Amino acid sequence: MGEIKHIFEKVLDVLFPQNIKCMFCGEEVNESEFCLCDKCAHTVERCEKVCDCCGSVLKSESKYCLICLNNKREFDFARAPYVYKGKVIAAVHNFKYNGAKYLAKPFAKSMLSSFNELNSLIGGFDFIIPVPMHKDKLKKRKYNQSKLLANEIAKLANLPVYDDLVVKVKNTESQTKLSRQDRFKNMKDVFDITDKSKVKGKNILIVDDILTTGATTESMAKLLKACHANKIAVLSFARTDVEKVP
């Protein structure tokens, strides 16, 4: 059955090439763009003037958002190409919950400019780690969307992916409806490192689909820094307005 499904997916790739449909609305794309139509190119909000640290869109002339001004971040930098609203929310939901794994490739390609910025800020990455999923949740969902993104970014950046270096040992409740404070409590001590020797002195990129408060990635970053990682950055496809999270 698995082999038949694989063959079917290959046939679909030939019949419906992924680079001729918009990743947000499914319409035909402009030849100069990759998986992005003219309309979405002008209506989907990008992360442009952002916090120097966490990549959240700024509404003032400050270099940092209010959260970063008042709180120490565990990661060094975070960036994302798109603001998590409107069609971006729908696309991420489709990728994450509806089995639209084919979106990993266009998502990753649209994240490349953000990757290049982080790579420059960090001084070069040694490897990539996707945000891990607890084994029970992975069994239910069938795939880890962050791992799919990490694998595609790795191909573009020619970097290794260590998808089993950090494991999630606690099956936490969903972060969606939690306050900022509760999100950080929910993520306390939920990760473990399988090989600490791989971490020491390394510059590490954490990849996820959405960055909200940063509770999940900061928990990972804190653990990695405790194992003497050098610098850590977070790359995601979309970024929420962090100052609006209660």
Protein backbone atom coordinates (compact mmCIF):
# COMPACT_ATOMS: atom_id res chain seq x y z
CA MET A 1 0.00 0.00 0.00
CA GLY A 2 2.82 2.41 0.88
CA GLU A 3 4.56 1.80 -2.46
CA ILE A 4 1.32 2.40 -4.38
CA LYS A 5 0.77 5.67 -2.51
CA HIS A 6 4.33 6.76 -3.30
CA ILE A 7 3.84 6.05 -7.02
CA PHE A 8 0.52 7.94 -6.97
CA GLU A 9 2.18 10.98 -5.37
CA LYS A 10 4.91 10.92 -8.05
CA VAL A 11 2.26 10.82 -10.78
CA LEU A 12 0.50 13.83 -9.20
CA ASP A 13 3.80 15.74 -9.18
CA VAL A 14 4.10 15.18 -12.94
CA LEU A 15 0.48 16.02 -13.74
CA PHE A 16 0.25 18.99 -11.37
CA PRO A 17 3.72 20.53 -10.86
CA GLN A 18 3.88 22.29 -7.51
CA ASN A 19 5.43 25.48 -8.86
CA ILE A 20 2.49 26.46 -11.10
CA LYS A 21 -0.12 26.88 -8.35
CA CYS A 22 -0.22 29.58 -5.69
CA MET A 23 0.48 28.12 -2.24
CA PHE A 24 -2.13 30.45 -0.72
CA CYS A 25 -5.08 30.33 -3.13
CA GLY A 26 -4.35 27.64 -5.73
CA GLU A 27 -4.51 30.03 -8.69
CA GLU A 28 -2.01 30.11 -11.56
CA VAL A 29 1.20 31.87 -10.64
CA ASN A 30 3.23 34.62 -12.24
CA GLU A 31 6.17 33.17 -14.15
CA SER A 32 8.56 35.33 -12.13
CA GLU A 33 7.30 33.94 -8.81
CA PHE A 34 7.42 30.49 -7.24
CA CYS A 35 4.03 29.28 -6.00
CA LEU A 36 2.73 32.82 -5.53
CA CYS A 37 0.10 34.52 -7.71
CA ASP A 38 0.00 38.26 -8.41
CA LYS A 39 -2.97 38.86 -6.12
CA CYS A 40 -1.51 37.07 -3.12
CA ALA A 41 1.87 38.66 -3.74
CA HIS A 42 0.20 42.04 -3.10
CA THR A 43 -2.26 41.06 -0.36
CA VAL A 44 -0.43 38.58 1.87
CA GLU A 45 1.43 40.50 4.57
CA ARG A 46 5.18 39.97 4.81
CA CYS A 47 7.40 40.45 7.83
CA GLU A 48 9.34 43.54 6.76
CA LYS A 49 10.10 46.05 9.54
CA VAL A 50 10.77 43.59 12.36
CA CYS A 51 12.23 43.29 15.85
CA ASP A 52 15.99 42.78 15.60
CA CYS A 53 15.75 39.84 17.97
CA CYS A 54 12.51 37.87 17.51
CA GLY A 55 11.40 38.98 14.04
CA SER A 56 7.99 40.25 15.15
CA VAL A 57 6.59 43.07 13.00
CA LEU A 58 7.18 46.44 14.67
CA LYS A 59 4.68 49.27 14.90
CA SER A 60 7.17 51.86 16.16
CA GLU A 61 10.67 53.09 15.31
CA SER A 62 12.18 50.95 18.09
CA LYS A 63 14.67 48.23 17.15
CA TYR A 64 12.96 45.75 19.46
CA CYS A 65 9.39 44.69 20.29
CA LEU A 66 8.05 45.21 23.81
CA ILE A 67 8.45 41.53 24.65
CA CYS A 68 12.14 41.48 23.76
CA LEU A 69 12.75 44.81 25.49
CA ASN A 70 11.36 43.41 28.74
CA ASN A 71 12.35 39.74 28.55
CA LYS A 72 15.56 37.81 27.92
CA ARG A 73 15.19 35.50 24.92
CA GLU A 74 16.79 32.06 24.97
CA PHE A 75 17.41 32.10 21.20
CA ASP A 76 19.64 34.70 19.58
CA PHE A 77 17.47 35.59 16.59
CA ALA A 78 14.21 34.54 14.91
CA ARG A 79 12.82 35.33 11.48
CA ALA A 80 9.86 34.42 9.23
CA PRO A 81 8.78 35.65 5.78
CA TYR A 82 5.03 36.02 6.46
CA VAL A 83 2.70 37.45 9.10
CA TYR A 84 0.31 34.84 10.48
CA LYS A 85 -3.02 36.22 9.32
CA GLY A 86 -5.61 35.77 6.54
CA LYS A 87 -4.56 33.41 3.75
CA VAL A 88 -1.36 32.52 5.59
CA ILE A 89 -3.39 30.99 8.44
CA ALA A 90 -5.43 28.95 5.96
CA ALA A 91 -2.32 27.71 4.15
CA VAL A 92 -0.55 26.71 7.38
CA HIS A 93 -3.70 24.93 8.62
CA ASN A 94 -3.90 23.03 5.33
CA PHE A 95 -0.22 22.05 5.60
CA LYS A 96 -0.43 21.12 9.26
CA TYR A 97 -3.77 19.35 9.62
CA ASN A 98 -5.10 18.45 6.16
CA GLY A 99 -2.22 16.39 4.85
CA ALA A 100 -0.99 19.02 2.36
CA LYS A 101 2.63 17.89 2.70
CA TYR A 102 3.40 19.15 -0.82
CA LEU A 103 3.38 22.69 0.62
CA ALA A 104 6.68 22.01 2.41
CA LYS A 105 8.67 22.76 -0.77
CA PRO A 106 7.11 26.16 -1.66
CA PHE A 107 7.00 27.15 2.02
CA ALA A 108 10.70 26.37 2.37
CA LYS A 109 11.64 28.25 -0.77
CA SER A 110 9.76 31.32 0.47
CA MET A 111 11.70 31.01 3.77
CA LEU A 112 15.08 31.11 2.04
CA SER A 113 15.59 34.88 2.26
CA SER A 114 14.85 34.74 6.00
CA PHE A 115 17.29 31.85 6.30
CA ASN A 116 19.98 33.87 4.53
CA GLU A 117 19.46 36.77 6.92
CA LEU A 118 19.76 34.47 9.96
CA ASN A 119 22.77 32.71 8.49
CA SER A 120 24.50 36.07 8.14
CA LEU A 121 23.55 37.18 11.67
CA ILE A 122 24.71 33.91 13.22
CA GLY A 123 27.85 33.54 11.15
CA GLY A 124 26.90 30.24 9.53
CA PHE A 125 24.92 27.25 10.80
CA ASP A 126 26.30 23.79 11.56
CA PHE A 127 22.99 21.95 11.33
CA ILE A 128 19.19 22.16 11.50
CA ILE A 129 16.80 20.80 14.12
CA PRO A 130 13.03 20.66 13.48
CA VAL A 131 10.72 21.24 16.43
CA PRO A 132 9.97 17.65 17.49
CA MET A 133 6.53 16.17 18.01
CA HIS A 134 5.64 13.79 20.84
CA LYS A 135 5.36 10.20 19.62
CA ASP A 136 1.66 9.99 20.54
CA LYS A 137 0.79 13.10 18.56
CA LEU A 138 2.98 11.96 15.65
CA LYS A 139 1.15 8.63 15.59
CA LYS A 140 -2.17 10.48 15.35
CA ARG A 141 -1.13 13.11 12.76
CA LYS A 142 1.14 10.77 10.73
CA TYR A 143 3.78 13.41 9.98
CA ASN A 144 5.68 16.28 11.60
CA GLN A 145 5.23 19.42 9.49
CA SER A 146 8.31 21.05 11.05
CA LYS A 147 10.45 18.09 10.00
CA LEU A 148 9.14 18.38 6.42
CA LEU A 149 10.08 22.07 6.37
CA ALA A 150 13.50 21.39 7.90
CA ASN A 151 14.28 18.77 5.27
CA GLU A 152 13.41 21.16 2.44
CA ILE A 153 15.40 24.03 3.96
CA ALA A 154 18.34 21.64 4.39
CA LYS A 155 18.27 20.80 0.67
CA LEU A 156 18.32 24.49 -0.27
CA ALA A 157 21.02 25.39 2.26
CA ASN A 158 23.10 22.21 1.96
CA LEU A 159 22.99 21.55 5.71
CA PRO A 160 22.43 18.36 7.71
CA VAL A 161 19.21 17.81 9.65
CA TYR A 162 19.33 16.13 13.07
CA ASP A 163 15.67 15.25 13.54
CA ASP A 164 16.28 12.97 16.54
CA LEU A 165 18.76 15.11 18.47
CA VAL A 166 16.01 16.84 20.46
CA VAL A 167 13.01 14.74 21.47
CA LYS A 168 9.75 15.76 23.10
CA VAL A 169 9.29 13.64 26.21
CA LYS A 170 6.00 15.13 27.44
CA ASN A 171 2.78 15.18 25.43
CA THR A 172 1.65 18.71 26.25
CA GLU A 173 -1.74 20.26 25.63
CA SER A 174 -2.20 22.52 22.62
CA GLN A 175 -0.74 26.01 22.99
CA THR A 176 -3.46 27.62 20.86
CA LYS A 177 -5.78 28.87 23.60
CA LEU A 178 -3.18 29.48 26.31
CA SER A 179 -1.94 32.87 27.50
CA ARG A 180 1.68 33.85 26.95
CA GLN A 181 2.56 32.99 30.55
CA ASP A 182 0.78 29.64 30.39
CA ARG A 183 2.48 28.76 27.10
CA PHE A 184 5.88 29.04 28.78
CA LYS A 185 4.70 26.98 31.76
CA ASN A 186 3.29 24.37 29.37
CA MET A 187 6.68 24.03 27.64
CA LYS A 188 8.82 23.70 30.74
CA ASP A 189 11.03 20.59 30.77
CA VAL A 190 9.26 18.91 27.84
CA PHE A 191 12.38 18.29 25.69
CA ASP A 192 15.48 16.14 26.04
CA ILE A 193 18.74 15.86 24.08
CA THR A 194 19.84 12.43 22.87
CA ASP A 195 23.50 13.30 22.18
CA LYS A 196 24.96 16.31 24.00
CA SER A 197 28.33 15.93 22.28
CA LYS A 198 26.81 17.08 18.97
CA VAL A 199 25.69 20.39 20.49
CA LYS A 200 28.78 21.88 22.12
CA GLY A 201 30.09 24.94 20.31
CA LYS A 202 27.64 24.62 17.41
CA ASN A 203 25.47 27.22 15.68
CA ILE A 204 22.03 25.66 15.40
CA LEU A 205 18.94 26.53 13.38
CA ILE A 206 15.56 25.49 14.81
CA VAL A 207 12.80 25.20 12.18
CA ASP A 208 9.06 25.42 12.88
CA ASP A 209 5.93 26.32 10.92
CA ILE A 210 4.67 29.16 13.15
CA LEU A 211 6.35 31.31 15.78
CA THR A 212 3.95 32.83 18.31
CA THR A 213 5.31 33.66 21.78
CA GLY A 214 8.42 31.57 21.22
CA ALA A 215 7.66 29.36 24.24
CA THR A 216 8.36 26.11 22.37
CA THR A 217 11.52 27.20 20.60
CA GLU A 218 12.84 29.03 23.67
CA SER A 219 12.43 25.84 25.71
CA MET A 220 14.50 24.02 23.08
CA ALA A 221 17.05 26.83 22.88
CA LYS A 222 17.46 26.93 26.67
CA LEU A 223 18.19 23.20 26.73
CA LEU A 224 20.66 23.47 23.84
CA LYS A 225 22.44 26.43 25.44
CA ALA A 226 22.70 24.44 28.70
CA CYS A 227 24.61 21.86 26.64
CA HIS A 228 26.97 24.63 25.49
CA ALA A 229 25.58 25.35 22.03
CA ASN A 230 27.14 28.53 20.65
CA LYS A 231 24.33 30.44 18.89
CA ILE A 232 20.74 29.48 18.13
CA ALA A 233 18.29 30.97 15.66
CA VAL A 234 14.68 30.14 14.83
CA LEU A 235 13.27 30.06 11.31
CA SER A 236 9.53 29.73 10.71
CA PHE A 237 7.16 30.21 7.79
CA ALA A 238 4.84 32.59 9.65
CA ARG A 239 5.06 34.96 12.61
CA THR A 240 2.19 36.12 14.83
CA ASP A 241 1.89 39.58 16.30
CA VAL A 242 3.59 38.70 19.58
CA GLU A 243 2.38 41.83 21.37
CA LYS A 244 -1.26 40.78 20.82
CA VAL A 245 -0.87 37.43 22.63
CA PRO A 246 -2.29 37.99 26.15
